[in-house]
């Protein structure tokens, strides 16, 4: 089953909270469905406070953490902050959470970066804690990573079941977890190396995306049709000469023009070309929730106008 298109803007490149609020308000004016913030320790506004400010300043935008690094906060504490933000936003919050990946963040903050299997297992328990804290009932967990003793989460989130969960990733283990547990699965580059470089970009090829969808389908089973699939577009450029634009920019990502043209993480061309490309992503992979950076917000607005809600 195809989901209708949604479009959001990542505001992670904005490091001034006043500018972030202005950008969120502009995104709402342009017809975007939401704004998102990542979770890194340099060069951006704090995601929870930043999104709270964006929520207060807007009326319709979905407010999304995309994604929080689980290792930076205890999930019981995080559950309280997120429930509060869900209430402030009137139920417009979507919670993206991941296992954590950026090595520089861990090293600079002195946080131990465990191997991927441990981080992903800890993420699975954290999701259980979040949902348990949002039930309004005493919650117990004897886990390998977290122990909860009769905690009743407060305040209650706006929605009785809590905000929708997004789990994003590029490797089979985290995508399998996402397919089993999340409402929205984000398909991204593989970032197992802890840095975003040309080796990561190579994991976003069309054939690699085919393989990711196979993992998600198999892990999700009967719930696959209910899952919304999201992609982060790292290169989005409005251009009257698509090939020339890709030829100029693709090498910086270690890509050929054809690789950039076929992957669901790069987009260039006229409005009609971009619309056709995104429709192709949904037809091939089921991708309907599209996110790009703040620098693409204005030039890509006509694409949003053509597709949002369809």
C-alpha atoms as a PDB file:
ATOM      1  CA  UNK A   1       0.000   0.000   0.000  1.00  0.00           C
ATOM      2  CA  UNK A   2       1.409   3.398  -0.967  1.00  0.00           C
ATOM      3  CA  UNK A   3       1.454   6.157   1.626  1.00  0.00           C
ATOM      4  CA  UNK A   4       0.815   9.775   0.608  1.00  0.00           C
ATOM      5  CA  UNK A   5       3.860  11.963   0.142  1.00  0.00           C
ATOM      6  CA  UNK A   6       5.155  14.030   3.048  1.00  0.00           C
ATOM      7  CA  UNK A   7       8.067  16.464   3.002  1.00  0.00           C
ATOM      8  CA  UNK A   8      10.189  17.791   5.841  1.00  0.00           C
ATOM      9  CA  UNK A   9      13.189  20.068   6.192  1.00  0.00           C
ATOM     10  CA  UNK A  10      16.219  19.189   8.302  1.00  0.00           C
ATOM     11  CA  UNK A  11      17.299  22.269  10.257  1.00  0.00           C
ATOM     12  CA  UNK A  12      20.504  20.683  11.519  1.00  0.00           C
ATOM     13  CA  UNK A  13      22.738  23.192   9.741  1.00  0.00           C
ATOM     14  CA  UNK A  14      21.278  26.098  11.741  1.00  0.00           C
ATOM     15  CA  UNK A  15      23.134  26.897  14.965  1.00  0.00           C
ATOM     16  CA  UNK A  16      21.140  29.943  16.112  1.00  0.00           C
ATOM     17  CA  UNK A  17      17.804  29.213  17.806  1.00  0.00           C
ATOM     18  CA  UNK A  18      16.170  32.396  16.506  1.00  0.00           C
ATOM     19  CA  UNK A  19      17.147  31.498  12.944  1.00  0.00           C
ATOM     20  CA  UNK A  20      15.818  27.994  13.512  1.00  0.00           C
ATOM     21  CA  UNK A  21      12.417  29.322  14.578  1.00  0.00           C
ATOM     22  CA  UNK A  22      12.322  31.629  11.554  1.00  0.00           C
ATOM     23  CA  UNK A  23      13.159  28.699   9.267  1.00  0.00           C
ATOM     24  CA  UNK A  24      10.421  26.556  10.819  1.00  0.00           C
ATOM     25  CA  UNK A  25       7.876  29.313  10.299  1.00  0.00           C
ATOM     26  CA  UNK A  26       9.002  29.701   6.700  1.00  0.00           C
ATOM     27  CA  UNK A  27       8.724  25.943   6.115  1.00  0.00           C
ATOM     28  CA  UNK A  28       5.130  26.092   7.317  1.00  0.00           C
ATOM     29  CA  UNK A  29       4.403  29.016   4.980  1.00  0.00           C
ATOM     30  CA  UNK A  30       5.841  27.061   2.042  1.00  0.00           C
ATOM     31  CA  UNK A  31       3.604  24.063   2.682  1.00  0.00           C
ATOM     32  CA  UNK A  32       6.087  21.625   4.155  1.00  0.00           C
ATOM     33  CA  UNK A  33       4.694  18.941   6.414  1.00  0.00           C
ATOM     34  CA  UNK A  34       7.404  19.107   9.051  1.00  0.00           C
ATOM     35  CA  UNK A  35      10.827  20.101  10.292  1.00  0.00           C
ATOM     36  CA  UNK A  36      13.457  17.825  11.784  1.00  0.00           C
ATOM     37  CA  UNK A  37      16.609  18.093  13.869  1.00  0.00           C
ATOM     38  CA  UNK A  38      19.469  15.607  14.159  1.00  0.00           C
ATOM     39  CA  UNK A  39      21.417  15.028  17.382  1.00  0.00           C
ATOM     40  CA  UNK A  40      25.087  15.941  17.219  1.00  0.00           C
ATOM     41  CA  UNK A  41      27.259  17.791  19.684  1.00  0.00           C
ATOM     42  CA  UNK A  42      28.563  20.545  17.436  1.00  0.00           C
ATOM     43  CA  UNK A  43      27.204  22.952  14.847  1.00  0.00           C
ATOM     44  CA  UNK A  44      23.505  22.701  15.640  1.00  0.00           C
ATOM     45  CA  UNK A  45      20.816  23.735  18.100  1.00  0.00           C
ATOM     46  CA  UNK A  46      19.934  21.281  20.860  1.00  0.00           C
ATOM     47  CA  UNK A  47      17.192  19.114  19.339  1.00  0.00           C
ATOM     48  CA  UNK A  48      14.665  18.991  22.171  1.00  0.00           C
ATOM     49  CA  UNK A  49      14.735  22.687  23.050  1.00  0.00           C
ATOM     50  CA  UNK A  50      15.028  23.687  19.393  1.00  0.00           C
ATOM     51  CA  UNK A  51      11.999  21.646  18.410  1.00  0.00           C
ATOM     52  CA  UNK A  52      10.036  22.972  21.369  1.00  0.00           C
ATOM     53  CA  UNK A  53      10.680  26.501  20.121  1.00  0.00           C
ATOM     54  CA  UNK A  54       9.642  25.472  16.608  1.00  0.00           C
ATOM     55  CA  UNK A  55       6.471  23.866  17.932  1.00  0.00           C
ATOM     56  CA  UNK A  56       5.435  27.001  19.830  1.00  0.00           C
ATOM     57  CA  UNK A  57       6.042  29.181  16.765  1.00  0.00           C
ATOM     58  CA  UNK A  58       4.026  27.020  14.322  1.00  0.00           C
ATOM     59  CA  UNK A  59       0.584  25.470  14.111  1.00  0.00           C
ATOM     60  CA  UNK A  60       0.635  22.592  11.628  1.00  0.00           C
ATOM     61  CA  UNK A  61       4.213  21.361  11.263  1.00  0.00           C
ATOM     62  CA  UNK A  62       5.194  17.918  12.415  1.00  0.00           C
ATOM     63  CA  UNK A  63       8.151  18.282  14.799  1.00  0.00           C
ATOM     64  CA  UNK A  64      10.642  15.432  14.464  1.00  0.00           C
ATOM     65  CA  UNK A  65      13.864  14.293  16.059  1.00  0.00           C
ATOM     66  CA  UNK A  66      15.750  12.702  13.168  1.00  0.00           C
ATOM     67  CA  UNK A  67      17.351  11.062  14.967  1.00  0.00           C
ATOM     68  CA  UNK A  68      18.299  11.165  18.631  1.00  0.00           C
ATOM     69  CA  UNK A  69      21.388   9.168  19.578  1.00  0.00           C
ATOM     70  CA  UNK A  70      20.229   6.747  22.232  1.00  0.00           C
ATOM     71  CA  UNK A  71      23.554   6.675  24.072  1.00  0.00           C
ATOM     72  CA  UNK A  72      23.396  10.380  24.943  1.00  0.00           C
ATOM     73  CA  UNK A  73      20.388  10.150  27.323  1.00  0.00           C
ATOM     74  CA  UNK A  74      18.751   7.622  29.622  1.00  0.00           C
ATOM     75  CA  UNK A  75      15.475   6.599  27.945  1.00  0.00           C
ATOM     76  CA  UNK A  76      13.370   7.104  31.094  1.00  0.00           C
ATOM     77  CA  UNK A  77      14.527  10.721  31.292  1.00  0.00           C
ATOM     78  CA  UNK A  78      14.098  11.099  27.539  1.00  0.00           C
ATOM     79  CA  UNK A  79      10.548   9.703  27.697  1.00  0.00           C
ATOM     80  CA  UNK A  80       9.558  12.533  30.045  1.00  0.00           C
ATOM     81  CA  UNK A  81      11.085  15.224  27.825  1.00  0.00           C
ATOM     82  CA  UNK A  82       9.457  13.796  24.713  1.00  0.00           C
ATOM     83  CA  UNK A  83       6.039  13.448  26.341  1.00  0.00           C
ATOM     84  CA  UNK A  84       6.295  17.088  27.400  1.00  0.00           C
ATOM     85  CA  UNK A  85       7.203  18.139  23.849  1.00  0.00           C
ATOM     86  CA  UNK A  86       4.324  16.088  22.469  1.00  0.00           C
ATOM     87  CA  UNK A  87       1.970  17.978  24.789  1.00  0.00           C
ATOM     88  CA  UNK A  88       3.468  21.367  23.914  1.00  0.00           C
ATOM     89  CA  UNK A  89       3.105  20.648  20.193  1.00  0.00           C
ATOM     90  CA  UNK A  90      -0.466  19.404  20.489  1.00  0.00           C
ATOM     91  CA  UNK A  91       0.453  15.932  19.278  1.00  0.00           C
ATOM     92  CA  UNK A  92       2.694  16.988  16.402  1.00  0.00           C
ATOM     93  CA  UNK A  93       5.823  15.189  17.612  1.00  0.00           C
ATOM     94  CA  UNK A  94       7.450  12.253  15.854  1.00  0.00           C
ATOM     95  CA  UNK A  95      10.333  10.614  17.708  1.00  0.00           C
ATOM     96  CA  UNK A  96      13.275   9.461  15.656  1.00  0.00           C
ATOM     97  CA  UNK A  97      15.849   7.512  17.649  1.00  0.00           C
ATOM     98  CA  UNK A  98      18.910   5.554  16.619  1.00  0.00           C
ATOM     99  CA  UNK A  99      21.790   3.592  18.078  1.00  0.00           C
ATOM    100  CA  UNK A 100      24.304   6.435  17.639  1.00  0.00           C
ATOM    101  CA  UNK A 101      26.997   6.438  14.997  1.00  0.00           C
ATOM    102  CA  UNK A 102      29.210   9.546  14.819  1.00  0.00           C
ATOM    103  CA  UNK A 103      32.555   8.588  16.311  1.00  0.00           C
ATOM    104  CA  UNK A 104      33.637  12.215  16.783  1.00  0.00           C
ATOM    105  CA  UNK A 105      30.696  12.901  19.111  1.00  0.00           C
ATOM    106  CA  UNK A 106      31.569   9.925  21.310  1.00  0.00           C
ATOM    107  CA  UNK A 107      35.267  10.731  21.422  1.00  0.00           C
ATOM    108  CA  UNK A 108      34.915  14.461  22.048  1.00  0.00           C
ATOM    109  CA  UNK A 109      32.366  13.957  24.830  1.00  0.00           C
ATOM    110  CA  UNK A 110      34.146  11.000  26.419  1.00  0.00           C
ATOM    111  CA  UNK A 111      31.192   8.668  25.833  1.00  0.00           C
ATOM    112  CA  UNK A 112      32.074   5.024  25.327  1.00  0.00           C
ATOM    113  CA  UNK A 113      31.137   3.867  21.847  1.00  0.00           C
ATOM    114  CA  UNK A 114      30.365   0.187  22.139  1.00  0.00           C
ATOM    115  CA  UNK A 115      30.352  -2.124  19.143  1.00  0.00           C
ATOM    116  CA  UNK A 116      27.309  -1.896  16.902  1.00  0.00           C
ATOM    117  CA  UNK A 117      25.598  -5.028  18.218  1.00  0.00           C
ATOM    118  CA  UNK A 118      25.644  -3.701  21.778  1.00  0.00           C
ATOM    119  CA  UNK A 119      24.389  -0.266  20.753  1.00  0.00           C
ATOM    120  CA  UNK A 120      21.549  -1.758  18.717  1.00  0.00           C
ATOM    121  CA  UNK A 121      20.523  -4.093  21.565  1.00  0.00           C
ATOM    122  CA  UNK A 122      20.539  -1.112  23.915  1.00  0.00           C
ATOM    123  CA  UNK A 123      18.393   0.819  21.430  1.00  0.00           C
ATOM    124  CA  UNK A 124      15.852  -2.021  21.371  1.00  0.00           C
ATOM    125  CA  UNK A 125      15.549  -1.837  25.162  1.00  0.00           C
ATOM    126  CA  UNK A 126      15.345   1.955  25.048  1.00  0.00           C
ATOM    127  CA  UNK A 127      12.338   1.736  22.712  1.00  0.00           C
ATOM    128  CA  UNK A 128      10.696  -0.590  25.225  1.00  0.00           C
ATOM    129  CA  UNK A 129      11.405   1.929  28.002  1.00  0.00           C
ATOM    130  CA  UNK A 130       9.993   4.858  26.024  1.00  0.00           C
ATOM    131  CA  UNK A 131       6.779   3.065  25.238  1.00  0.00           C
ATOM    132  CA  UNK A 132       6.482   1.718  28.765  1.00  0.00           C
ATOM    133  CA  UNK A 133       6.852   5.182  30.247  1.00  0.00           C
ATOM    134  CA  UNK A 134       4.096   6.492  27.984  1.00  0.00           C
ATOM    135  CA  UNK A 135       1.437   3.996  29.119  1.00  0.00           C
ATOM    136  CA  UNK A 136       0.505   5.832  32.326  1.00  0.00           C
ATOM    137  CA  UNK A 137       0.862   2.544  34.196  1.00  0.00           C
ATOM    138  CA  UNK A 138       3.685   1.316  36.467  1.00  0.00           C
ATOM    139  CA  UNK A 139       6.411   0.000  34.195  1.00  0.00           C
ATOM    140  CA  UNK A 140       8.975  -2.689  34.980  1.00  0.00           C
ATOM    141  CA  UNK A 141      11.975  -3.823  32.972  1.00  0.00           C
ATOM    142  CA  UNK A 142      14.828  -6.147  33.884  1.00  0.00           C
ATOM    143  CA  UNK A 143      16.983  -5.668  30.834  1.00  0.00           C
ATOM    144  CA  UNK A 144      20.603  -6.173  30.019  1.00  0.00           C
ATOM    145  CA  UNK A 145      21.097  -2.415  29.663  1.00  0.00           C
ATOM    146  CA  UNK A 146      18.262  -0.778  31.641  1.00  0.00           C
ATOM    147  CA  UNK A 147      16.424  -1.599  34.867  1.00  0.00           C
ATOM    148  CA  UNK A 148      13.099   0.124  35.572  1.00  0.00           C
ATOM    149  CA  UNK A 149      11.207  -0.347  38.845  1.00  0.00           C
ATOM    150  CA  UNK A 150       7.532   0.586  38.825  1.00  0.00           C
ATOM    151  CA  UNK A 151       8.017   3.898  37.034  1.00  0.00           C
ATOM    152  CA  UNK A 152       4.857   5.747  36.023  1.00  0.00           C
ATOM    153  CA  UNK A 153       5.799   8.183  33.278  1.00  0.00           C
ATOM    154  CA  UNK A 154       4.581  11.757  33.628  1.00  0.00           C
ATOM    155  CA  UNK A 155       3.297  13.833  31.950  1.00  0.00           C
ATOM    156  CA  UNK A 156       1.247  11.621  29.692  1.00  0.00           C
ATOM    157  CA  UNK A 157       1.919  12.274  26.018  1.00  0.00           C
ATOM    158  CA  UNK A 158      -0.742  14.004  23.927  1.00  0.00           C
ATOM    159  CA  UNK A 159      -1.690  10.715  22.291  1.00  0.00           C
ATOM    160  CA  UNK A 160      -2.440   7.736  24.571  1.00  0.00           C
ATOM    161  CA  UNK A 161      -0.018   5.460  22.724  1.00  0.00           C
ATOM    162  CA  UNK A 162       2.694   8.095  22.581  1.00  0.00           C
ATOM    163  CA  UNK A 163       4.172   9.807  19.520  1.00  0.00           C
ATOM    164  CA  UNK A 164       5.037   7.760  16.417  1.00  0.00           C
ATOM    165  CA  UNK A 165       8.519   6.259  16.430  1.00  0.00           C
ATOM    166  CA  UNK A 166      11.054   6.515  13.628  1.00  0.00           C
ATOM    167  CA  UNK A 167      14.103   4.279  13.558  1.00  0.00           C
ATOM    168  CA  UNK A 168      16.536   5.035  10.769  1.00  0.00           C
ATOM    169  CA  UNK A 169      19.662   3.327   9.526  1.00  0.00           C
ATOM    170  CA  UNK A 170      21.519   1.734   6.687  1.00  0.00           C
ATOM    171  CA  UNK A 171      22.661  -1.621   8.077  1.00  0.00           C
ATOM    172  CA  UNK A 172      20.630  -4.842   8.264  1.00  0.00           C
ATOM    173  CA  UNK A 173      20.535  -5.118  12.058  1.00  0.00           C
ATOM    174  CA  UNK A 174      19.140  -1.669  12.744  1.00  0.00           C
ATOM    175  CA  UNK A 175      16.787  -1.844   9.747  1.00  0.00           C
ATOM    176  CA  UNK A 176      15.501  -5.178  11.037  1.00  0.00           C
ATOM    177  CA  UNK A 177      14.832  -3.634  14.439  1.00  0.00           C
ATOM    178  CA  UNK A 178      13.140  -0.669  12.768  1.00  0.00           C
ATOM    179  CA  UNK A 179      10.921  -2.948  10.709  1.00  0.00           C
ATOM    180  CA  UNK A 180       9.801  -4.838  13.817  1.00  0.00           C
ATOM    181  CA  UNK A 181       9.267  -1.869  16.127  1.00  0.00           C
ATOM    182  CA  UNK A 182       8.951   1.483  14.357  1.00  0.00           C
ATOM    183  CA  UNK A 183       5.984   3.252  12.815  1.00  0.00           C
ATOM    184  CA  UNK A 184       8.310   4.894  10.296  1.00  0.00           C
ATOM    185  CA  UNK A 185      11.515   3.369   8.941  1.00  0.00           C
ATOM    186  CA  UNK A 186      14.191   5.747   7.727  1.00  0.00           C
ATOM    187  CA  UNK A 187      16.453   4.464   4.971  1.00  0.00           C
ATOM    188  CA  UNK A 188      19.855   6.096   5.019  1.00  0.00           C
ATOM    189  CA  UNK A 189      23.455   5.464   4.091  1.00  0.00           C
ATOM    190  CA  UNK A 190      25.324   2.817   6.041  1.00  0.00           C
ATOM    191  CA  UNK A 191      27.279   4.715   8.690  1.00  0.00           C
ATOM    192  CA  UNK A 192      28.981   1.812  10.418  1.00  0.00           C
ATOM    193  CA  UNK A 193      32.355   3.480   9.946  1.00  0.00           C
ATOM    194  CA  UNK A 194      31.352   6.340  12.223  1.00  0.00           C
ATOM    195  CA  UNK A 195      31.970   9.056   9.627  1.00  0.00           C
ATOM    196  CA  UNK A 196      30.052  10.383   6.649  1.00  0.00           C
ATOM    197  CA  UNK A 197      32.423   9.958   3.715  1.00  0.00           C
ATOM    198  CA  UNK A 198      32.517   8.515   0.214  1.00  0.00           C
ATOM    199  CA  UNK A 199      32.475   4.953   1.557  1.00  0.00           C
ATOM    200  CA  UNK A 200      29.160   5.716   3.285  1.00  0.00           C
ATOM    201  CA  UNK A 201      27.716   7.196   0.088  1.00  0.00           C
ATOM    202  CA  UNK A 202      28.466   3.950  -1.719  1.00  0.00           C
ATOM    203  CA  UNK A 203      25.947   2.194   0.541  1.00  0.00           C
ATOM    204  CA  UNK A 204      23.137   4.325  -0.879  1.00  0.00           C
ATOM    205  CA  UNK A 205      23.183   3.022  -4.451  1.00  0.00           C
ATOM    206  CA  UNK A 206      19.895   1.855  -5.932  1.00  0.00           C
ATOM    207  CA  UNK A 207      20.904  -1.809  -5.685  1.00  0.00           C
ATOM    208  CA  UNK A 208      21.856  -1.347  -2.024  1.00  0.00           C
ATOM    209  CA  UNK A 209      18.451   0.252  -1.406  1.00  0.00           C
ATOM    210  CA  UNK A 210      16.802  -2.792  -3.006  1.00  0.00           C
ATOM    211  CA  UNK A 211      18.646  -4.967  -0.485  1.00  0.00           C
ATOM    212  CA  UNK A 212      17.575  -2.738   2.424  1.00  0.00           C
ATOM    213  CA  UNK A 213      13.935  -3.058   1.367  1.00  0.00           C
ATOM    214  CA  UNK A 214      14.296  -6.845   1.337  1.00  0.00           C
ATOM    215  CA  UNK A 215      15.539  -6.750   4.933  1.00  0.00           C
ATOM    216  CA  UNK A 216      12.683  -4.481   5.988  1.00  0.00           C
ATOM    217  CA  UNK A 217      10.015  -6.582   4.260  1.00  0.00           C
ATOM    218  CA  UNK A 218      11.256  -9.826   5.777  1.00  0.00           C
ATOM    219  CA  UNK A 219      11.591  -8.405   9.291  1.00  0.00           C
ATOM    220  CA  UNK A 220       8.264  -6.543   9.204  1.00  0.00           C
ATOM    221  CA  UNK A 221       6.184  -9.442   7.959  1.00  0.00           C
ATOM    222  CA  UNK A 222       2.468  -8.676   7.980  1.00  0.00           C
ATOM    223  CA  UNK A 223       2.970  -5.158   9.345  1.00  0.00           C
ATOM    224  CA  UNK A 224       5.009  -4.002   6.340  1.00  0.00           C
ATOM    225  CA  UNK A 225       2.112  -2.229   4.589  1.00  0.00           C
ATOM    226  CA  UNK A 226       1.443  -0.093   7.667  1.00  0.00           C
ATOM    227  CA  UNK A 227       5.036   1.184   7.853  1.00  0.00           C
ATOM    228  CA  UNK A 228       5.859   4.557   6.353  1.00  0.00           C
ATOM    229  CA  UNK A 229       9.238   4.667   4.612  1.00  0.00           C
ATOM    230  CA  UNK A 230      11.412   7.773   4.825  1.00  0.00           C
ATOM    231  CA  UNK A 231      14.594   8.849   3.047  1.00  0.00           C
ATOM    232  CA  UNK A 232      17.105  11.604   3.758  1.00  0.00           C
ATOM    233  CA  UNK A 233      18.053  13.432   0.540  1.00  0.00           C
ATOM    234  CA  UNK A 234      21.574  14.750   1.135  1.00  0.00           C
ATOM    235  CA  UNK A 235      21.865  16.503  -2.223  1.00  0.00           C
ATOM    236  CA  UNK A 236      18.795  18.390  -3.484  1.00  0.00           C
ATOM    237  CA  UNK A 237      19.300  21.023  -6.179  1.00  0.00           C
ATOM    238  CA  UNK A 238      16.782  22.731  -8.447  1.00  0.00           C
ATOM    239  CA  UNK A 239      18.391  22.982 -11.877  1.00  0.00           C
ATOM    240  CA  UNK A 240      17.505  23.360 -15.531  1.00  0.00           C
ATOM    241  CA  UNK A 241      20.416  21.044 -16.418  1.00  0.00           C
ATOM    242  CA  UNK A 242      20.211  17.970 -14.215  1.00  0.00           C
ATOM    243  CA  UNK A 243      23.159  16.104 -15.702  1.00  0.00           C
ATOM    244  CA  UNK A 244      25.479  19.086 -15.495  1.00  0.00           C
ATOM    245  CA  UNK A 245      24.505  19.654 -11.869  1.00  0.00           C
ATOM    246  CA  UNK A 246      25.081  16.036 -10.931  1.00  0.00           C
ATOM    247  CA  UNK A 247      28.320  15.941 -12.881  1.00  0.00           C
ATOM    248  CA  UNK A 248      29.579  18.919 -10.880  1.00  0.00           C
ATOM    249  CA  UNK A 249      28.475  17.643  -7.462  1.00  0.00           C
ATOM    250  CA  UNK A 250      28.528  13.834  -7.558  1.00  0.00           C
ATOM    251  CA  UNK A 251      32.332  13.461  -7.348  1.00  0.00           C
ATOM    252  CA  UNK A 252      32.341  15.115  -3.910  1.00  0.00           C
ATOM    253  CA  UNK A 253      30.351  12.106  -2.710  1.00  0.00           C
ATOM    254  CA  UNK A 254      32.470   9.628  -4.657  1.00  0.00           C
ATOM    255  CA  UNK A 255      29.614   8.974  -7.083  1.00  0.00           C
ATOM    256  CA  UNK A 256      29.168   8.837 -10.814  1.00  0.00           C
ATOM    257  CA  UNK A 257      26.350  10.818 -12.395  1.00  0.00           C
ATOM    258  CA  UNK A 258      24.361   7.635 -12.999  1.00  0.00           C
ATOM    259  CA  UNK A 259      24.800   6.486  -9.396  1.00  0.00           C
ATOM    260  CA  UNK A 260      23.661   9.850  -8.074  1.00  0.00           C
ATOM    261  CA  UNK A 261      20.704   9.929 -10.467  1.00  0.00           C
ATOM    262  CA  UNK A 262      19.443   6.496  -9.424  1.00  0.00           C
ATOM    263  CA  UNK A 263      19.862   6.616  -5.614  1.00  0.00           C
ATOM    264  CA  UNK A 264      17.145   7.956  -3.285  1.00  0.00           C
ATOM    265  CA  UNK A 265      19.552  10.324  -1.517  1.00  0.00           C
ATOM    266  CA  UNK A 266      20.303  12.747  -4.370  1.00  0.00           C
ATOM    267  CA  UNK A 267      17.880  14.859  -6.376  1.00  0.00           C
ATOM    268  CA  UNK A 268      18.473  17.419  -9.098  1.00  0.00           C
ATOM    269  CA  UNK A 269      16.594  18.829 -12.062  1.00  0.00           C
ATOM    270  CA  UNK A 270      13.572  20.857 -13.012  1.00  0.00           C
ATOM    271  CA  UNK A 271      10.395  20.668 -10.979  1.00  0.00           C
ATOM    272  CA  UNK A 272       8.913  18.127 -13.389  1.00  0.00           C
ATOM    273  CA  UNK A 273      12.077  16.008 -13.314  1.00  0.00           C
ATOM    274  CA  UNK A 274      12.224  16.057  -9.526  1.00  0.00           C
ATOM    275  CA  UNK A 275       8.542  15.168  -9.264  1.00  0.00           C
ATOM    276  CA  UNK A 276       9.024  12.228 -11.635  1.00  0.00           C
ATOM    277  CA  UNK A 277      12.105  11.061  -9.732  1.00  0.00           C
ATOM    278  CA  UNK A 278      10.345  11.085  -6.369  1.00  0.00           C
ATOM    279  CA  UNK A 279       7.335   9.300  -7.828  1.00  0.00           C
ATOM    280  CA  UNK A 280       9.784   6.687  -9.091  1.00  0.00           C
ATOM    281  CA  UNK A 281      11.196   6.257  -5.593  1.00  0.00           C
ATOM    282  CA  UNK A 282       7.754   5.489  -4.251  1.00  0.00           C
ATOM    283  CA  UNK A 283       6.979   3.096  -7.077  1.00  0.00           C
ATOM    284  CA  UNK A 284      10.241   1.154  -6.681  1.00  0.00           C
ATOM    285  CA  UNK A 285      10.853   1.336  -2.920  1.00  0.00           C
ATOM    286  CA  UNK A 286       7.683   2.677  -1.308  1.00  0.00           C
ATOM    287  CA  UNK A 287       9.447   5.849  -0.164  1.00  0.00           C
ATOM    288  CA  UNK A 288       6.882   8.542   0.598  1.00  0.00           C
ATOM    289  CA  UNK A 289       8.399  10.620   3.402  1.00  0.00           C
ATOM    290  CA  UNK A 290      11.152  12.826   1.979  1.00  0.00           C
ATOM    291  CA  UNK A 291      13.556  14.998   3.985  1.00  0.00           C
ATOM    292  CA  UNK A 292      16.159  17.420   2.691  1.00  0.00           C
ATOM    293  CA  UNK A 293      18.318  20.183   4.143  1.00  0.00           C
ATOM    294  CA  UNK A 294      17.379  23.771   4.908  1.00  0.00           C
ATOM    295  CA  UNK A 295      19.347  25.088   1.927  1.00  0.00           C
ATOM    296  CA  UNK A 296      16.947  23.214  -0.372  1.00  0.00           C
ATOM    297  CA  UNK A 297      13.797  24.438   1.377  1.00  0.00           C
ATOM    298  CA  UNK A 298      13.022  27.408  -0.879  1.00  0.00           C
ATOM    299  CA  UNK A 299      14.142  26.044  -4.286  1.00  0.00           C
ATOM    300  CA  UNK A 300      12.385  22.712  -3.727  1.00  0.00           C
ATOM    301  CA  UNK A 301       9.107  24.238  -2.514  1.00  0.00           C
ATOM    302  CA  UNK A 302       7.418  23.849  -5.947  1.00  0.00           C
ATOM    303  CA  UNK A 303       8.144  20.108  -5.799  1.00  0.00           C
ATOM    304  CA  UNK A 304       6.467  19.956  -2.393  1.00  0.00           C
ATOM    305  CA  UNK A 305       3.468  21.871  -3.760  1.00  0.00           C
ATOM    306  CA  UNK A 306       3.150  19.377  -6.605  1.00  0.00           C
ATOM    307  CA  UNK A 307       3.360  16.205  -4.511  1.00  0.00           C
ATOM    308  CA  UNK A 308       2.501  16.731  -0.840  1.00  0.00           C
ATOM    309  CA  UNK A 309      -0.485  14.649   0.194  1.00  0.00           C
ATOM    310  CA  UNK A 310      -0.738  12.799  -3.127  1.00  0.00           C
END
